[in-house]
PDB file of N, CA and C in Angstrom:
ATOM      1  N   MET A   1     -72.686-156.787 -70.498  1.00  0.00           N
ATOM      2  CA  MET A   1     -72.220-155.557 -69.908  1.00  0.00           C
ATOM      3  C   MET A   1     -70.684-155.543 -69.860  1.00  0.00           C
ATOM      4  N   ARG A   2     -70.103-156.687 -69.585  1.00  0.00           N
ATOM      5  CA  ARG A   2     -68.648-156.765 -69.512  1.00  0.00           C
ATOM      6  C   ARG A   2     -68.024-156.485 -70.887  1.00  0.00           C
ATOM      7  N   ALA A   3     -68.635-157.027 -71.940  1.00  0.00           N
ATOM      8  CA  ALA A   3     -68.121-156.797 -73.294  1.00  0.00           C
ATOM      9  C   ALA A   3     -68.243-155.322 -73.680  1.00  0.00           C
ATOM     10  N   TYR A   4     -69.342-154.687 -73.275  1.00  0.00           N
ATOM     11  CA  TYR A   4     -69.538-153.269 -73.588  1.00  0.00           C
ATOM     12  C   TYR A   4     -68.485-152.408 -72.886  1.00  0.00           C
ATOM     13  N   ARG A   5     -68.207-152.724 -71.630  1.00  0.00           N
ATOM     14  CA  ARG A   5     -67.178-151.970 -70.894  1.00  0.00           C
ATOM     15  C   ARG A   5     -65.804-152.178 -71.512  1.00  0.00           C
ATOM     16  N   LEU A   6     -65.517-153.387 -71.979  1.00  0.00           N
ATOM     17  CA  LEU A   6     -64.255-153.659 -72.658  1.00  0.00           C
ATOM     18  C   LEU A   6     -64.166-152.851 -73.953  1.00  0.00           C
ATOM     19  N   TYR A   7     -65.277-152.796 -74.682  1.00  0.00           N
ATOM     20  CA  TYR A   7     -65.333-151.995 -75.913  1.00  0.00           C
ATOM     21  C   TYR A   7     -65.075-150.519 -75.601  1.00  0.00           C
ATOM     22  N   LEU A   8     -65.693-149.980 -74.573  1.00  0.00           N
ATOM     23  CA  LEU A   8     -65.500-148.572 -74.216  1.00  0.00           C
ATOM     24  C   LEU A   8     -64.064-148.302 -73.780  1.00  0.00           C
ATOM     25  N   ALA A   9     -63.483-149.215 -73.007  1.00  0.00           N
ATOM     26  CA  ALA A   9     -62.100-149.037 -72.562  1.00  0.00           C
ATOM     27  C   ALA A   9     -61.151-149.082 -73.757  1.00  0.00           C
ATOM     28  N   GLY A  10     -61.382-149.998 -74.677  1.00  0.00           N
ATOM     29  CA  GLY A  10     -60.553-150.078 -75.876  1.00  0.00           C
ATOM     30  C   GLY A  10     -60.697-148.853 -76.757  1.00  0.00           C
ATOM     31  N   SER A  11     -61.901-148.342 -76.868  1.00  0.00           N
ATOM     32  CA  SER A  11     -62.122-147.129 -77.648  1.00  0.00           C
ATOM     33  C   SER A  11     -61.427-145.936 -77.012  1.00  0.00           C
ATOM     34  N   ALA A  12     -61.516-145.810 -75.692  1.00  0.00           N
ATOM     35  CA  ALA A  12     -60.851-144.708 -74.999  1.00  0.00           C
ATOM     36  C   ALA A  12     -59.345-144.768 -75.216  1.00  0.00           C
ATOM     37  N   MET A  13     -58.770-145.971 -75.124  1.00  0.00           N
ATOM     38  CA  MET A  13     -57.337-146.116 -75.356  1.00  0.00           C
ATOM     39  C   MET A  13     -56.981-145.779 -76.799  1.00  0.00           C
ATOM     40  N   GLY A  14     -57.823-146.185 -77.735  1.00  0.00           N
ATOM     41  CA  GLY A  14     -57.571-145.871 -79.142  1.00  0.00           C
ATOM     42  C   GLY A  14     -57.569-144.380 -79.413  1.00  0.00           C
ATOM     43  N   PHE A  15     -58.493-143.656 -78.796  1.00  0.00           N
ATOM     44  CA  PHE A  15     -58.526-142.198 -78.961  1.00  0.00           C
ATOM     45  C   PHE A  15     -57.315-141.545 -78.307  1.00  0.00           C
ATOM     46  N   GLU A  16     -56.933-142.022 -77.129  1.00  0.00           N
ATOM     47  CA  GLU A  16     -55.792-141.440 -76.414  1.00  0.00           C
ATOM     48  C   GLU A  16     -54.488-141.623 -77.183  1.00  0.00           C
ATOM     49  N   ARG A  17     -54.335-142.759 -77.817  1.00  0.00           N
ATOM     50  CA  ARG A  17     -53.094-143.051 -78.540  1.00  0.00           C
ATOM     51  C   ARG A  17     -53.106-142.566 -79.980  1.00  0.00           C
ATOM     52  N   GLY A  18     -54.231-142.052 -80.425  1.00  0.00           N
ATOM     53  CA  GLY A  18     -54.309-141.526 -81.781  1.00  0.00           C
ATOM     54  C   GLY A  18     -54.570-142.581 -82.840  1.00  0.00           C
ATOM     55  N   TRP A  19     -54.992-143.775 -82.416  1.00  0.00           N
ATOM     56  CA  TRP A  19     -55.282-144.830 -83.373  1.00  0.00           C
ATOM     57  C   TRP A  19     -56.667-144.655 -83.997  1.00  0.00           C
ATOM     58  N   MET A  20     -57.521-143.922 -83.313  1.00  0.00           N
ATOM     59  CA  MET A  20     -58.889-143.703 -83.781  1.00  0.00           C
ATOM     60  C   MET A  20     -59.170-142.207 -83.795  1.00  0.00           C
ATOM     61  N   SER A  21     -60.090-141.810 -84.644  1.00  0.00           N
ATOM     62  CA  SER A  21     -60.521-140.416 -84.665  1.00  0.00           C
ATOM     63  C   SER A  21     -61.999-140.374 -85.022  1.00  0.00           C
ATOM     64  N   LEU A  22     -62.571-139.223 -84.828  1.00  0.00           N
ATOM     65  CA  LEU A  22     -63.988-139.041 -85.086  1.00  0.00           C
ATOM     66  C   LEU A  22     -64.148-137.874 -86.046  1.00  0.00           C
ATOM     67  N   HIS A  23     -64.902-138.082 -87.108  1.00  0.00           N
ATOM     68  CA  HIS A  23     -65.161-137.029 -88.093  1.00  0.00           C
ATOM     69  C   HIS A  23     -66.668-136.846 -88.207  1.00  0.00           C
ATOM     70  N   GLN A  24     -67.072-135.604 -88.356  1.00  0.00           N
ATOM     71  CA  GLN A  24     -68.484-135.309 -88.526  1.00  0.00           C
ATOM     72  C   GLN A  24     -68.674-134.594 -89.848  1.00  0.00           C
ATOM     73  N   MET A  25     -69.801-134.833 -90.481  1.00  0.00           N
ATOM     74  CA  MET A  25     -70.095-134.223 -91.769  1.00  0.00           C
ATOM     75  C   MET A  25     -71.513-133.671 -91.730  1.00  0.00           C
ATOM     76  N   LEU A  26     -71.681-132.493 -92.281  1.00  0.00           N
ATOM     77  CA  LEU A  26     -72.992-131.877 -92.356  1.00  0.00           C
ATOM     78  C   LEU A  26     -73.385-131.784 -93.820  1.00  0.00           C
ATOM     79  N   ALA A  27     -74.521-132.304 -94.152  1.00  0.00           N
ATOM     80  CA  ALA A  27     -75.027-132.239 -95.523  1.00  0.00           C
ATOM     81  C   ALA A  27     -76.250-131.331 -95.549  1.00  0.00           C
ATOM     82  N   ALA A  28     -76.316-130.499 -96.578  1.00  0.00           N
ATOM     83  CA  ALA A  28     -77.461-129.598 -96.728  1.00  0.00           C
ATOM     84  C   ALA A  28     -77.836-129.522 -98.192  1.00  0.00           C
ATOM     85  N   ARG A  29     -79.092-129.351 -98.456  1.00  0.00           N
ATOM     86  CA  ARG A  29     -79.562-129.226 -99.828  1.00  0.00           C
ATOM     87  C   ARG A  29     -79.435-127.759-100.247  1.00  0.00           C
ATOM     88  N   PRO A  30     -78.594-127.455-101.242  1.00  0.00           N
ATOM     89  CA  PRO A  30     -78.393-126.066-101.654  1.00  0.00           C
ATOM     90  C   PRO A  30     -79.588-125.532-102.436  1.00  0.00           C
ATOM     91  N   ASP A  31     -79.788-124.237-102.354  1.00  0.00           N
ATOM     92  CA  ASP A  31     -80.843-123.617-103.149  1.00  0.00           C
ATOM     93  C   ASP A  31     -80.273-122.890-104.357  1.00  0.00           C
ATOM     94  N   GLY A  32     -78.939-122.927-104.545  1.00  0.00           N
ATOM     95  CA  GLY A  32     -78.313-122.327-105.713  1.00  0.00           C
ATOM     96  C   GLY A  32     -77.898-120.886-105.529  1.00  0.00           C
ATOM     97  N   ASP A  33     -78.191-120.285-104.396  1.00  0.00           N
ATOM     98  CA  ASP A  33     -77.827-118.899-104.140  1.00  0.00           C
ATOM     99  C   ASP A  33     -76.622-118.873-103.200  1.00  0.00           C
ATOM    100  N   PRO A  34     -75.384-118.657-103.740  1.00  0.00           N
ATOM    101  CA  PRO A  34     -74.193-118.702-102.891  1.00  0.00           C
ATOM    102  C   PRO A  34     -74.178-117.647-101.791  1.00  0.00           C
ATOM    103  N   ALA A  35     -74.896-116.548-101.953  1.00  0.00           N
ATOM    104  CA  ALA A  35     -74.870-115.471-100.964  1.00  0.00           C
ATOM    105  C   ALA A  35     -75.908-115.657 -99.862  1.00  0.00           C
ATOM    106  N   GLY A  36     -76.862-116.516-100.053  1.00  0.00           N
ATOM    107  CA  GLY A  36     -77.927-116.633 -99.066  1.00  0.00           C
ATOM    108  C   GLY A  36     -78.101-118.049 -98.576  1.00  0.00           C
ATOM    109  N   GLY A  37     -79.205-118.276 -97.960  1.00  0.00           N
ATOM    110  CA  GLY A  37     -79.505-119.606 -97.446  1.00  0.00           C
ATOM    111  C   GLY A  37     -78.972-119.817 -96.051  1.00  0.00           C
ATOM    112  N   ALA A  38     -79.208-120.985 -95.539  1.00  0.00           N
ATOM    113  CA  ALA A  38     -78.794-121.309 -94.175  1.00  0.00           C
ATOM    114  C   ALA A  38     -77.276-121.390 -94.051  1.00  0.00           C
ATOM    115  N   LEU A  39     -76.593-121.820 -95.105  1.00  0.00           N
ATOM    116  CA  LEU A  39     -75.136-121.936 -95.105  1.00  0.00           C
ATOM    117  C   LEU A  39     -74.563-121.003 -96.172  1.00  0.00           C
ATOM    118  N   ALA A  40     -74.502-119.733 -95.876  1.00  0.00           N
ATOM    119  CA  ALA A  40     -74.011-118.762 -96.862  1.00  0.00           C
ATOM    120  C   ALA A  40     -72.586-119.101 -97.280  1.00  0.00           C
ATOM    121  N   GLY A  41     -72.337-119.111 -98.590  1.00  0.00           N
ATOM    122  CA  GLY A  41     -71.017-119.409 -99.114  1.00  0.00           C
ATOM    123  C   GLY A  41     -70.751-120.881 -99.309  1.00  0.00           C
ATOM    124  N   ALA A  42     -71.568-121.745 -98.744  1.00  0.00           N
ATOM    125  CA  ALA A  42     -71.350-123.186 -98.865  1.00  0.00           C
ATOM    126  C   ALA A  42     -72.217-123.791 -99.954  1.00  0.00           C
ATOM    127  N   GLN A  43     -72.799-122.959-100.789  1.00  0.00           N
ATOM    128  CA  GLN A  43     -73.682-123.460-101.828  1.00  0.00           C
ATOM    129  C   GLN A  43     -73.054-123.221-103.192  1.00  0.00           C
ATOM    130  N   SER A  44     -73.508-123.932-104.164  1.00  0.00           N
ATOM    131  CA  SER A  44     -72.942-123.859-105.500  1.00  0.00           C
ATOM    132  C   SER A  44     -74.034-123.555-106.499  1.00  0.00           C
ATOM    133  N   ALA A  45     -73.661-122.843-107.557  1.00  0.00           N
ATOM    134  CA  ALA A  45     -74.607-122.562-108.630  1.00  0.00           C
ATOM    135  C   ALA A  45     -74.771-123.771-109.535  1.00  0.00           C
ATOM    136  N   TYR A  46     -73.872-124.748-109.439  1.00  0.00           N
ATOM    137  CA  TYR A  46     -73.946-125.947-110.272  1.00  0.00           C
ATOM    138  C   TYR A  46     -74.778-127.013-109.579  1.00  0.00           C
ATOM    139  N   PRO A  47     -75.536-127.779-110.332  1.00  0.00           N
ATOM    140  CA  PRO A  47     -76.316-128.861-109.734  1.00  0.00           C
ATOM    141  C   PRO A  47     -75.406-130.027-109.335  1.00  0.00           C
ATOM    142  N   PHE A  48     -75.956-130.964-108.565  1.00  0.00           N
ATOM    143  CA  PHE A  48     -75.182-132.110-108.116  1.00  0.00           C
ATOM    144  C   PHE A  48     -75.227-133.270-109.103  1.00  0.00           C
ATOM    145  N   ASN A  49     -75.271-132.964-110.367  1.00  0.00           N
ATOM    146  CA  ASN A  49     -75.119-133.969-111.413  1.00  0.00           C
ATOM    147  C   ASN A  49     -74.385-133.325-112.571  1.00  0.00           C
ATOM    148  N   ARG A  50     -74.063-134.061-113.591  1.00  0.00           N
ATOM    149  CA  ARG A  50     -73.247-133.538-114.683  1.00  0.00           C
ATOM    150  C   ARG A  50     -74.060-133.166-115.917  1.00  0.00           C
ATOM    151  N   ALA A  51     -75.354-133.067-115.769  1.00  0.00           N
ATOM    152  CA  ALA A  51     -76.207-132.763-116.913  1.00  0.00           C
ATOM    153  C   ALA A  51     -75.857-131.408-117.525  1.00  0.00           C
ATOM    154  N   TYR A  52     -75.444-130.442-116.713  1.00  0.00           N
ATOM    155  CA  TYR A  52     -75.105-129.120-117.242  1.00  0.00           C
ATOM    156  C   TYR A  52     -73.875-129.179-118.160  1.00  0.00           C
ATOM    157  N   MET A  53     -73.006-130.165-117.972  1.00  0.00           N
ATOM    158  CA  MET A  53     -71.821-130.282-118.805  1.00  0.00           C
ATOM    159  C   MET A  53     -72.148-130.799-120.198  1.00  0.00           C
ATOM    160  N   TYR A  54     -73.223-131.557-120.305  1.00  0.00           N
ATOM    161  CA  TYR A  54     -73.579-132.190-121.573  1.00  0.00           C
ATOM    162  C   TYR A  54     -74.766-131.540-122.256  1.00  0.00           C
ATOM    163  N   ALA A  55     -75.243-130.432-121.715  1.00  0.00           N
ATOM    164  CA  ALA A  55     -76.427-129.773-122.276  1.00  0.00           C
ATOM    165  C   ALA A  55     -76.175-129.314-123.707  1.00  0.00           C
ATOM    166  N   ASN A  56     -74.977-128.794-124.001  1.00  0.00           N
ATOM    167  CA  ASN A  56     -74.678-128.290-125.340  1.00  0.00           C
ATOM    168  C   ASN A  56     -73.784-129.249-126.119  1.00  0.00           C
ATOM    169  N   ALA A  57     -73.569-130.450-125.656  1.00  0.00           N
ATOM    170  CA  ALA A  57     -72.699-131.400-126.340  1.00  0.00           C
ATOM    171  C   ALA A  57     -73.252-131.803-127.692  1.00  0.00           C
ATOM    172  N   SER A  58     -74.568-131.855-127.819  1.00  0.00           N
ATOM    173  CA  SER A  58     -75.171-132.241-129.100  1.00  0.00           C
ATOM    174  C   SER A  58     -75.078-131.117-130.121  1.00  0.00           C
ATOM    175  N   ASP A  59     -74.846-129.869-129.669  1.00  0.00           N
ATOM    176  CA  ASP A  59     -74.732-128.727-130.580  1.00  0.00           C
ATOM    177  C   ASP A  59     -73.368-128.676-131.256  1.00  0.00           C
ATOM    178  N   ALA A  60     -72.357-129.326-130.684  1.00  0.00           N
ATOM    179  CA  ALA A  60     -70.980-129.234-131.198  1.00  0.00           C
ATOM    180  C   ALA A  60     -70.772-130.048-132.444  1.00  0.00           C
TER     181      ALA A  60
END
């Protein structure tokens, strides 16, 4: 318990002095429709891999 309180006190001091920060990230699976979905505007028409870039590479 003493170590935990020391950890909390050190963390509080780190946040107060700007040595530490907290970042949050939200991940969502896009449906490909930029105008709709749960996160309107946060979606992309491109898939999350590079296969679309190489689809016509063999045709060149």
